[in-house]
Amino acid sequence: MKQYLLFAAFFCCVTLCFSQTQWKPLFNGTDLKGWVKRNGNAEYKIIDKAIVGVSQLNTPNTFLCTEATYGDFVLELEVKVEVGLNSGIQIRSLSDPAIMNGRVHGYQVEIDPAERTWSGGLYDEARNGWLYPLSINPRGQKAFKNGQWNKYHIEAIGPSLKTWINGIPCANVLDNQTARGFIALQVHGIKREDQNGLTVQWRDIRIATENLAAYTWKGGEEAPEVNYLPNQLSESEKRTGWRLLWDGKSTAGWRKFNTDAFPQQGWAVEDGVLKVLSSHQDSTRKGGDLISNESFSNFELELDFKTTKGANSGVKYFVQEDRKSKATAGLGPEFQILDDQNHADAKAGVGGNRTTGSLYDLIAAENLSEGSTEKRMNPPGKWNKLRIVSRNGHVEHWLNNLKMVEYERHSQVFRNLIAKSKYAPYPKFAQAPSGHILLQDHHDEVHFRSIKIREF
């Protein structure tokens, strides 16, 4: 009897362990049952138990989508793509006839054999663009192997989205835009004849939706975290010294420049957003620039901003107050915020040094992360992520996790720039050991949120 009970207990344990670690296949290897094609006309066929997507000229992005939708899950599959064809794996994605005529949109895990090596990064298809370019994770850039099968491991649990390729952590994102949606395999639209007929393949596609602790991998935090949760600090951010510089609900910590109080008009706190209001129709309603109560020297500042059409604003740092002499008060290096497409200032200055991301009137923004001039800035009405890093005189501007500007503020090169700019009358411009953070009121409506900082 005792032996029987031991055997029964062992059998139950084995059965339970098996049930807790059982994957569900999303592709049976023989047909496309459970999948539906959307948007484009690229071909999907089955060869050797793999789904093969074939690129086609003159058709938009094509998606092979699961009929079922998924919320929290762990997804695994193998991928191989020919060089010259970009692709991706959609997760928690949507297609609604009332939104962009049913265009598939949502999170996309990148498949990218190009030289920039962004495979495993997270792109927000037809919505907000790059959430996690792999340029911020050099180790992850080395994970994908061209010409080979690559194993993707993808975890979507609550707002946490993490990816691995061949066991190497790639993306690590916190975002709560979409909690549930379908999974889809993308064949990217192409424009050149030499790209016609290129293929991307997927095989061994499986998903787990229950007992997810048995499927999650350790080490995902080795990829730098990017947090899009509005006005919230992640546990990782708290551990690494970040704090909110604006609490998302009050005016605490901020005041009108050269005063002791928050402005009575011109600024508003609404639904977790700090807004500078338009005062074009009535200049008496202008609230004026806001500054932080605190001053900072070595720091990393991050915030989200959203412009309205034609808007102009900026974030200044190392700003000095001098209530007796206003000649130099309010001066400081400026991360320009501008609707580059619709504001005349974008064509002023020299070589684009008054466009978004630029060190205003001094250094033009360019995409240093990709070695191009494409900023990947989201248009008016959509959020963009700004980051300024200042450490021992070395300063960087980042826009949507792409480096735009870097300079040494105590260098002779920088002093030469000052001498040829509008700041020439102020030879000590940007040389203060510390200063305030300033949000500029330039008469235009601009929104700010998730203002956070850490000091070095």
Protein backbone atom coordinates (compact mmCIF):
# COMPACT_ATOMS: atom_id res chain seq x y z
CA MET A 1 0.00 0.00 0.00
CA LYS A 2 2.84 2.35 0.90
CA GLN A 3 4.59 1.64 -2.42
CA TYR A 4 1.32 2.32 -4.27
CA LEU A 5 0.90 5.66 -2.54
CA LEU A 6 4.50 6.65 -3.36
CA PHE A 7 3.97 5.67 -7.01
CA ALA A 8 0.69 7.63 -7.15
CA ALA A 9 2.34 10.68 -5.65
CA PHE A 10 5.21 10.41 -8.16
CA PHE A 11 2.77 10.01 -11.05
CA CYS A 12 0.77 13.06 -9.95
CA CYS A 13 3.95 15.11 -9.63
CA VAL A 14 5.12 14.15 -13.11
CA THR A 15 1.67 14.87 -14.54
CA LEU A 16 1.52 18.26 -12.80
CA CYS A 17 5.02 19.23 -13.95
CA PHE A 18 4.18 18.23 -17.52
CA SER A 19 0.96 20.25 -17.45
CA GLN A 20 2.81 23.27 -16.10
CA THR A 21 5.40 23.18 -18.86
CA GLN A 22 3.27 22.28 -21.86
CA TRP A 23 3.55 24.64 -24.81
CA LYS A 24 0.76 25.24 -27.27
CA PRO A 25 1.83 25.20 -30.93
CA LEU A 26 0.54 28.11 -33.04
CA PHE A 27 1.50 26.44 -36.33
CA ASN A 28 0.86 22.77 -37.09
CA GLY A 29 3.53 22.52 -39.79
CA THR A 30 1.13 21.57 -42.57
CA ASP A 31 -1.40 24.37 -43.14
CA LEU A 32 -2.30 27.89 -42.00
CA LYS A 33 -5.34 26.95 -39.95
CA GLY A 34 -5.88 29.57 -37.23
CA TRP A 35 -4.17 32.33 -39.23
CA VAL A 36 -5.51 35.12 -41.46
CA LYS A 37 -3.66 37.44 -43.87
CA ARG A 38 -4.18 41.20 -43.54
CA ASN A 39 -3.30 44.45 -45.33
CA GLY A 40 -0.87 43.40 -48.09
CA ASN A 41 -0.58 40.79 -50.84
CA ALA A 42 2.78 39.19 -50.08
CA GLU A 43 2.69 35.39 -50.30
CA TYR A 44 2.89 32.98 -47.38
CA LYS A 45 3.59 29.33 -48.09
CA ILE A 46 4.72 26.26 -46.19
CA ILE A 47 8.05 24.59 -46.93
CA ASP A 48 9.60 21.89 -44.72
CA LYS A 49 7.27 22.68 -41.81
CA ALA A 50 8.16 26.38 -41.90
CA ILE A 51 6.01 29.37 -42.83
CA VAL A 52 7.79 31.19 -45.65
CA GLY A 53 6.89 34.81 -46.41
CA VAL A 54 7.83 36.06 -49.88
CA SER A 55 8.30 39.77 -50.55
CA GLN A 56 6.39 41.40 -53.38
CA LEU A 57 6.71 44.76 -55.09
CA ASN A 58 3.93 47.34 -54.97
CA THR A 59 2.13 46.01 -51.93
CA PRO A 60 2.10 47.41 -48.37
CA ASN A 61 3.29 45.57 -45.30
CA THR A 62 1.60 42.17 -45.15
CA PHE A 63 0.72 40.37 -41.92
CA LEU A 64 -0.19 36.75 -41.25
CA CYS A 65 -2.19 37.07 -38.02
CA THR A 66 -3.46 34.59 -35.48
CA GLU A 67 -7.23 34.48 -35.26
CA ALA A 68 -6.91 34.21 -31.48
CA THR A 69 -5.76 37.07 -29.27
CA TYR A 70 -3.38 36.87 -26.34
CA GLY A 71 -2.74 38.95 -23.23
CA ASP A 72 0.05 37.67 -20.97
CA PHE A 73 2.21 35.04 -22.63
CA VAL A 74 5.64 33.68 -23.43
CA LEU A 75 6.24 33.12 -27.14
CA GLU A 76 9.04 31.18 -28.77
CA LEU A 77 9.87 30.63 -32.43
CA GLU A 78 12.77 30.34 -34.83
CA VAL A 79 13.42 32.86 -37.61
CA LYS A 80 15.59 33.04 -40.71
CA VAL A 81 15.59 35.94 -43.18
CA GLU A 82 17.45 36.81 -46.35
CA VAL A 83 19.63 39.91 -46.20
CA GLY A 84 17.83 42.81 -47.83
CA LEU A 85 14.42 42.08 -46.35
CA ASN A 86 13.19 43.66 -43.12
CA SER A 87 10.55 41.81 -41.12
CA GLY A 88 9.04 41.44 -37.67
CA ILE A 89 6.87 39.56 -35.21
CA GLN A 90 3.78 41.44 -34.08
CA ILE A 91 2.59 40.89 -30.51
CA ARG A 92 -0.54 42.24 -28.80
CA SER A 93 -1.43 43.81 -32.13
CA LEU A 94 -4.75 45.12 -33.43
CA SER A 95 -6.68 45.58 -36.66
CA ASP A 96 -9.88 47.60 -36.46
CA PRO A 97 -11.72 48.78 -39.60
CA ALA A 98 -12.48 52.04 -37.77
CA ILE A 99 -8.76 52.74 -37.19
CA MET A 100 -6.60 53.43 -40.27
CA ASN A 101 -8.95 51.24 -42.35
CA GLY A 102 -7.90 48.15 -40.46
CA ARG A 103 -4.16 48.65 -40.72
CA VAL A 104 -2.33 46.31 -38.37
CA HIS A 105 -0.75 48.28 -35.55
CA GLY A 106 0.97 47.51 -32.28
CA TYR A 107 4.16 46.10 -30.85
CA GLN A 108 6.61 44.52 -33.30
CA VAL A 109 9.71 42.53 -32.37
CA GLU A 110 12.20 43.40 -35.08
CA ILE A 111 13.82 41.02 -37.58
CA ASP A 112 16.58 43.12 -39.13
CA PRO A 113 19.54 41.68 -41.08
CA ALA A 114 20.80 45.17 -42.03
CA GLU A 115 24.08 46.67 -40.85
CA ARG A 116 22.45 48.56 -37.99
CA THR A 117 21.63 45.15 -36.37
CA TRP A 118 18.42 46.06 -34.55
CA SER A 119 16.94 42.54 -34.49
CA GLY A 120 15.14 41.95 -31.21
CA GLY A 121 14.36 45.64 -30.78
CA LEU A 122 10.79 46.77 -30.19
CA TYR A 123 8.99 48.87 -32.81
CA ASP A 124 5.46 50.23 -32.46
CA GLU A 125 4.04 49.51 -35.91
CA ALA A 126 1.82 52.26 -37.40
CA ARG A 127 1.61 53.97 -34.01
CA ASN A 128 4.62 55.41 -32.17
CA GLY A 129 7.67 54.14 -34.02
CA TRP A 130 10.74 52.85 -32.22
CA LEU A 131 10.23 52.08 -28.55
CA TYR A 132 13.54 50.25 -28.18
CA PRO A 133 16.21 50.67 -30.86
CA LEU A 134 18.98 48.14 -30.30
CA SER A 135 21.63 50.86 -30.46
CA ILE A 136 21.09 51.28 -26.72
CA ASN A 137 22.03 47.61 -26.15
CA PRO A 138 25.31 46.81 -27.96
CA ARG A 139 25.41 43.26 -26.61
CA GLY A 140 21.93 42.59 -27.96
CA GLN A 141 23.02 43.85 -31.39
CA LYS A 142 25.35 40.87 -31.66
CA ALA A 143 22.69 38.23 -30.97
CA PHE A 144 21.13 37.78 -34.43
CA LYS A 145 23.05 35.68 -36.97
CA ASN A 146 22.42 36.33 -40.65
CA GLY A 147 21.86 33.28 -42.82
CA GLN A 148 21.01 31.08 -39.82
CA TRP A 149 17.98 30.06 -37.83
CA ASN A 150 17.66 32.33 -34.79
CA LYS A 151 15.63 31.48 -31.70
CA TYR A 152 13.39 34.28 -30.41
CA HIS A 153 12.07 34.19 -26.84
CA ILE A 154 9.46 36.89 -26.15
CA GLU A 155 7.80 37.64 -22.81
CA ALA A 156 4.72 39.87 -22.53
CA ILE A 157 3.56 39.95 -18.92
CA GLY A 158 1.57 42.96 -17.75
CA PRO A 159 3.36 46.08 -18.98
CA SER A 160 6.69 44.25 -19.20
CA LEU A 161 7.86 43.35 -22.72
CA LYS A 162 11.18 41.52 -22.99
CA THR A 163 12.95 39.82 -25.87
CA TRP A 164 15.88 37.45 -26.28
CA ILE A 165 17.60 36.16 -29.42
CA ASN A 166 19.72 33.02 -29.16
CA GLY A 167 19.66 33.39 -25.38
CA ILE A 168 20.93 37.00 -25.35
CA PRO A 169 18.67 39.71 -23.82
CA CYS A 170 17.73 42.29 -26.45
CA ALA A 171 14.80 44.56 -25.48
CA ASN A 172 13.43 45.46 -22.05
CA VAL A 173 10.39 47.75 -22.18
CA LEU A 174 7.64 48.86 -19.82
CA ASP A 175 4.57 50.05 -21.73
CA ASN A 176 0.82 49.81 -21.10
CA GLN A 177 -0.71 50.91 -24.40
CA THR A 178 -2.05 47.47 -25.33
CA ALA A 179 -2.83 44.62 -22.96
CA ARG A 180 -4.15 42.11 -25.48
CA GLY A 181 -4.01 41.41 -29.21
CA PHE A 182 -3.06 38.96 -31.92
CA ILE A 183 0.34 37.68 -32.97
CA ALA A 184 1.39 38.25 -36.56
CA LEU A 185 4.25 37.50 -38.94
CA GLN A 186 5.23 40.44 -41.12
CA VAL A 187 6.53 40.57 -44.68
CA HIS A 188 7.69 44.15 -45.08
CA GLY A 189 6.72 46.20 -48.09
CA ILE A 190 9.57 46.70 -50.58
CA LYS A 191 10.40 49.37 -53.15
CA ARG A 192 13.31 47.94 -55.15
CA GLU A 193 13.34 45.24 -57.81
CA ASP A 194 16.33 43.51 -56.23
CA GLN A 195 14.25 42.95 -53.07
CA ASN A 196 11.45 41.19 -54.93
CA GLY A 197 11.10 37.54 -53.96
CA LEU A 198 13.25 37.68 -50.83
CA THR A 199 12.05 35.41 -48.04
CA VAL A 200 11.62 35.34 -44.29
CA GLN A 201 10.85 32.06 -42.51
CA TRP A 202 9.32 31.09 -39.17
CA ARG A 203 9.13 27.66 -37.58
CA ASP A 204 8.51 25.91 -34.26
CA ILE A 205 6.09 28.63 -33.18
CA ARG A 206 4.76 27.95 -29.69
CA ILE A 207 3.12 29.91 -26.90
CA ALA A 208 2.47 29.55 -23.17
CA THR A 209 -0.38 31.45 -21.54
CA GLU A 210 -0.63 29.83 -18.10
CA ASN A 211 1.82 29.16 -15.24
CA LEU A 212 4.12 31.67 -16.87
CA ALA A 213 6.68 31.54 -14.08
CA ALA A 214 7.72 28.16 -15.51
CA TYR A 215 8.55 29.75 -18.88
CA THR A 216 10.15 33.10 -18.05
CA TRP A 217 13.89 33.51 -18.33
CA LYS A 218 16.28 35.24 -15.99
CA GLY A 219 18.64 37.95 -17.12
CA GLY A 220 16.21 40.15 -19.05
CA GLU A 221 17.20 43.10 -16.87
CA GLU A 222 20.69 42.93 -18.40
CA ALA A 223 19.20 44.81 -21.33
CA PRO A 224 18.83 48.50 -20.35
CA GLU A 225 15.24 49.22 -19.34
CA VAL A 226 13.10 51.81 -21.12
CA ASN A 227 10.03 52.87 -19.15
CA TYR A 228 6.98 54.38 -20.91
CA LEU A 229 4.60 54.17 -17.94
CA PRO A 230 3.35 57.75 -17.44
CA ASN A 231 4.65 59.43 -14.28
CA GLN A 232 5.74 56.13 -12.77
CA LEU A 233 9.12 54.86 -11.66
CA SER A 234 9.91 51.21 -12.16
CA GLU A 235 11.54 49.19 -9.37
CA SER A 236 14.73 49.16 -11.42
CA GLU A 237 14.69 52.95 -11.71
CA LYS A 238 14.19 53.33 -7.99
CA ARG A 239 17.15 51.03 -7.31
CA THR A 240 19.39 53.01 -9.65
CA GLY A 241 18.66 56.43 -8.18
CA TRP A 242 15.91 57.83 -10.36
CA ARG A 243 13.22 60.04 -8.81
CA LEU A 244 10.29 61.98 -10.19
CA LEU A 245 11.05 65.67 -10.65
CA TRP A 246 7.32 66.25 -11.17
CA ASP A 247 4.77 64.12 -9.34
CA GLY A 248 2.21 64.08 -12.17
CA LYS A 249 -0.57 65.74 -10.22
CA SER A 250 0.48 68.95 -8.45
CA THR A 251 2.72 71.98 -8.98
CA ALA A 252 5.16 70.93 -6.27
CA GLY A 253 8.83 71.41 -7.09
CA TRP A 254 8.30 73.99 -9.84
CA ARG A 255 7.82 77.74 -10.00
CA LYS A 256 7.76 80.58 -12.46
CA PHE A 257 11.21 81.76 -13.39
CA ASN A 258 12.47 84.62 -11.20
CA THR A 259 9.53 84.25 -8.79
CA ASP A 260 8.71 82.17 -5.76
CA ALA A 261 5.40 80.71 -6.96
CA PHE A 262 3.86 78.63 -9.73
CA PRO A 263 2.28 80.89 -12.39
CA GLN A 264 -1.38 81.78 -11.91
CA GLN A 265 -2.11 81.36 -15.62
CA GLY A 266 -0.57 79.96 -18.77
CA TRP A 267 0.15 76.51 -17.33
CA ALA A 268 -2.21 73.69 -16.37
CA VAL A 269 -2.01 70.28 -14.72
CA GLU A 270 -4.54 67.94 -16.33
CA ASP A 271 -4.79 64.13 -16.39
CA GLY A 272 -1.15 63.55 -15.52
CA VAL A 273 0.11 66.13 -18.01
CA LEU A 274 1.86 69.45 -17.37
CA LYS A 275 0.73 71.80 -20.15
CA VAL A 276 1.98 75.15 -21.29
CA LEU A 277 -1.06 76.79 -22.87
CA SER A 278 -1.19 78.80 -26.06
CA SER A 279 -1.11 82.56 -25.54
CA HIS A 280 -0.95 83.69 -29.16
CA GLN A 281 -4.40 85.25 -29.08
CA ASP A 282 -3.77 87.05 -25.80
CA SER A 283 -0.15 87.57 -24.76
CA THR A 284 -1.27 88.71 -21.30
CA ARG A 285 -2.20 85.07 -20.63
CA LYS A 286 1.38 83.88 -21.05
CA GLY A 287 2.47 82.03 -17.92
CA GLY A 288 6.23 82.37 -18.41
CA ASP A 289 8.98 79.78 -18.14
CA LEU A 290 8.94 77.18 -15.37
CA ILE A 291 12.06 76.20 -13.46
CA SER A 292 12.78 73.43 -10.99
CA ASN A 293 13.21 74.51 -7.41
CA GLU A 294 16.39 72.42 -7.26
CA SER A 295 19.66 72.91 -9.11
CA PHE A 296 21.67 70.10 -10.69
CA SER A 297 25.23 69.50 -11.86
CA ASN A 298 25.91 65.90 -12.92
CA PHE A 299 22.57 64.39 -13.85
CA GLU A 300 20.45 62.41 -16.27
CA LEU A 301 17.08 63.99 -17.05
CA GLU A 302 14.28 62.23 -18.89
CA LEU A 303 10.77 63.35 -19.84
CA ASP A 304 8.06 62.86 -22.44
CA PHE A 305 6.90 65.79 -24.55
CA LYS A 306 4.15 66.27 -27.11
CA THR A 307 3.87 69.26 -29.39
CA THR A 308 0.87 70.77 -31.11
CA LYS A 309 1.06 71.80 -34.76
CA GLY A 310 3.59 74.59 -35.31
CA ALA A 311 4.67 74.62 -31.66
CA ASN A 312 7.98 75.87 -30.26
CA SER A 313 9.42 75.16 -26.81
CA GLY A 314 12.53 73.80 -25.19
CA VAL A 315 14.17 72.36 -22.11
CA LYS A 316 17.07 74.38 -20.69
CA TYR A 317 19.58 73.26 -18.08
CA PHE A 318 22.29 74.95 -16.00
CA VAL A 319 19.90 77.90 -15.89
CA GLN A 320 20.87 80.74 -13.55
CA GLU A 321 18.50 83.09 -11.73
CA ASP A 322 19.48 86.68 -11.09
CA ARG A 323 16.56 88.82 -9.97
CA LYS A 324 18.70 91.95 -9.81
CA SER A 325 20.20 91.70 -13.29
CA LYS A 326 17.92 90.16 -15.89
CA ALA A 327 20.51 90.51 -18.67
CA THR A 328 21.95 87.04 -18.07
CA ALA A 329 19.05 85.49 -16.19
CA GLY A 330 17.37 82.52 -17.87
CA LEU A 331 20.34 81.67 -20.03
CA GLY A 332 21.30 78.04 -20.36
CA PRO A 333 21.96 75.32 -22.93
CA GLU A 334 18.70 74.35 -24.59
CA PHE A 335 17.36 71.08 -25.93
CA GLN A 336 15.17 72.51 -28.67
CA ILE A 337 11.57 71.29 -28.98
CA LEU A 338 9.92 72.28 -32.26
CA ASP A 339 7.45 71.15 -34.88
CA ASP A 340 10.20 71.00 -37.49
CA GLN A 341 7.76 70.63 -40.36
CA ASN A 342 5.54 73.60 -39.56
CA HIS A 343 7.59 76.17 -37.66
CA ALA A 344 9.79 78.69 -39.45
CA ASP A 345 12.54 78.45 -36.83
CA ALA A 346 13.50 75.02 -38.20
CA LYS A 347 15.03 76.79 -41.22
CA ALA A 348 16.64 79.56 -39.21
CA GLY A 349 20.01 79.40 -37.49
CA VAL A 350 22.84 77.47 -39.16
CA GLY A 351 22.57 74.00 -40.66
CA GLY A 352 19.45 73.03 -38.73
CA ASN A 353 20.74 73.95 -35.28
CA ARG A 354 17.29 75.17 -34.24
CA THR A 355 15.45 71.91 -34.95
CA THR A 356 14.24 69.45 -32.34
CA GLY A 357 16.99 67.76 -30.35
CA SER A 358 19.56 70.38 -31.27
CA LEU A 359 21.64 72.32 -28.79
CA TYR A 360 19.72 75.44 -29.71
CA ASP A 361 21.60 77.79 -32.05
CA LEU A 362 24.86 75.90 -31.49
CA ILE A 363 24.87 72.24 -32.61
CA ALA A 364 22.40 70.69 -35.04
CA ALA A 365 20.74 67.44 -34.07
CA GLU A 366 21.49 64.39 -36.19
CA ASN A 367 20.92 60.71 -35.64
CA LEU A 368 24.31 59.72 -34.24
CA SER A 369 23.00 56.30 -33.23
CA GLU A 370 22.37 55.34 -36.85
CA GLY A 371 24.79 57.68 -38.56
CA SER A 372 22.02 59.47 -40.44
CA THR A 373 19.99 62.67 -40.42
CA GLU A 374 16.68 60.85 -39.85
CA LYS A 375 15.54 61.77 -36.35
CA ARG A 376 12.56 59.39 -36.09
CA MET A 377 10.63 62.08 -34.23
CA ASN A 378 6.93 61.52 -33.72
CA PRO A 379 4.68 64.23 -35.21
CA PRO A 380 2.49 66.72 -33.31
CA GLY A 381 -0.09 64.96 -31.19
CA LYS A 382 2.20 62.02 -30.30
CA TRP A 383 4.61 61.63 -27.41
CA ASN A 384 8.38 61.78 -27.77
CA LYS A 385 11.00 60.84 -25.20
CA LEU A 386 13.71 63.39 -24.33
CA ARG A 387 16.87 62.61 -22.41
CA ILE A 388 19.72 64.91 -21.37
CA VAL A 389 22.88 63.50 -19.79
CA SER A 390 25.43 65.79 -18.13
CA ARG A 391 28.51 64.25 -16.55
CA ASN A 392 31.70 66.18 -15.73
CA GLY A 393 31.19 68.59 -18.61
CA HIS A 394 30.23 65.96 -21.18
CA VAL A 395 26.65 66.49 -22.36
CA GLU A 396 24.38 64.38 -24.57
CA HIS A 397 20.94 64.97 -26.10
CA TRP A 398 18.79 61.92 -26.84
CA LEU A 399 15.48 61.81 -28.72
CA ASN A 400 13.39 58.63 -28.62
CA ASN A 401 16.44 56.69 -27.39
CA LEU A 402 18.63 57.87 -30.28
CA LYS A 403 21.62 60.12 -29.60
CA MET A 404 21.26 63.49 -31.33
CA VAL A 405 24.04 65.70 -29.90
CA GLU A 406 27.11 65.38 -27.71
CA TYR A 407 29.60 68.03 -26.66
CA GLU A 408 32.09 69.11 -23.98
CA ARG A 409 30.76 72.31 -22.41
CA HIS A 410 34.11 73.33 -20.91
CA SER A 411 36.13 72.79 -24.10
CA GLN A 412 37.76 75.30 -26.42
CA VAL A 413 35.62 73.93 -29.25
CA PHE A 414 32.50 74.84 -27.30
CA ARG A 415 33.83 78.31 -26.51
CA ASN A 416 34.45 78.84 -30.22
CA LEU A 417 30.84 77.90 -30.95
CA ILE A 418 29.64 80.41 -28.37
CA ALA A 419 31.76 83.16 -29.92
CA LYS A 420 29.97 82.71 -33.26
CA SER A 421 26.44 82.47 -31.85
CA LYS A 422 23.76 84.69 -30.34
CA TYR A 423 25.38 83.91 -26.96
CA ALA A 424 28.65 85.66 -27.86
CA PRO A 425 27.98 88.54 -25.41
CA TYR A 426 27.95 85.99 -22.58
CA PRO A 427 31.39 84.31 -22.47
CA LYS A 428 30.46 82.36 -19.33
CA PHE A 429 27.40 80.82 -21.03
CA ALA A 430 26.81 77.23 -19.84
CA GLN A 431 29.85 77.30 -17.54
CA ALA A 432 28.06 77.38 -14.16
CA PRO A 433 28.84 74.34 -11.98
CA SER A 434 25.12 73.77 -11.45
CA GLY A 435 21.77 75.21 -12.45
CA HIS A 436 18.02 74.79 -12.69
CA ILE A 437 15.99 72.81 -15.25
CA LEU A 438 13.70 75.10 -17.25
CA LEU A 439 10.58 74.31 -19.32
CA GLN A 440 10.05 77.06 -21.86
CA ASP A 441 6.83 78.96 -22.53
CA HIS A 442 7.11 80.14 -26.14
CA HIS A 443 3.39 81.05 -26.48
CA ASP A 444 2.61 77.57 -27.95
CA GLU A 445 0.76 74.66 -26.37
CA VAL A 446 3.18 71.87 -25.47
CA HIS A 447 2.66 68.93 -23.10
CA PHE A 448 5.11 67.37 -20.62
CA ARG A 449 4.93 64.29 -18.42
CA SER A 450 7.11 61.60 -16.78
CA ILE A 451 9.73 64.16 -15.73
CA LYS A 452 12.39 62.20 -13.85
CA ILE A 453 16.01 62.69 -12.87
CA ARG A 454 18.95 60.99 -11.25
CA GLU A 455 22.19 62.56 -10.09
CA PHE A 456 25.70 61.18 -10.42
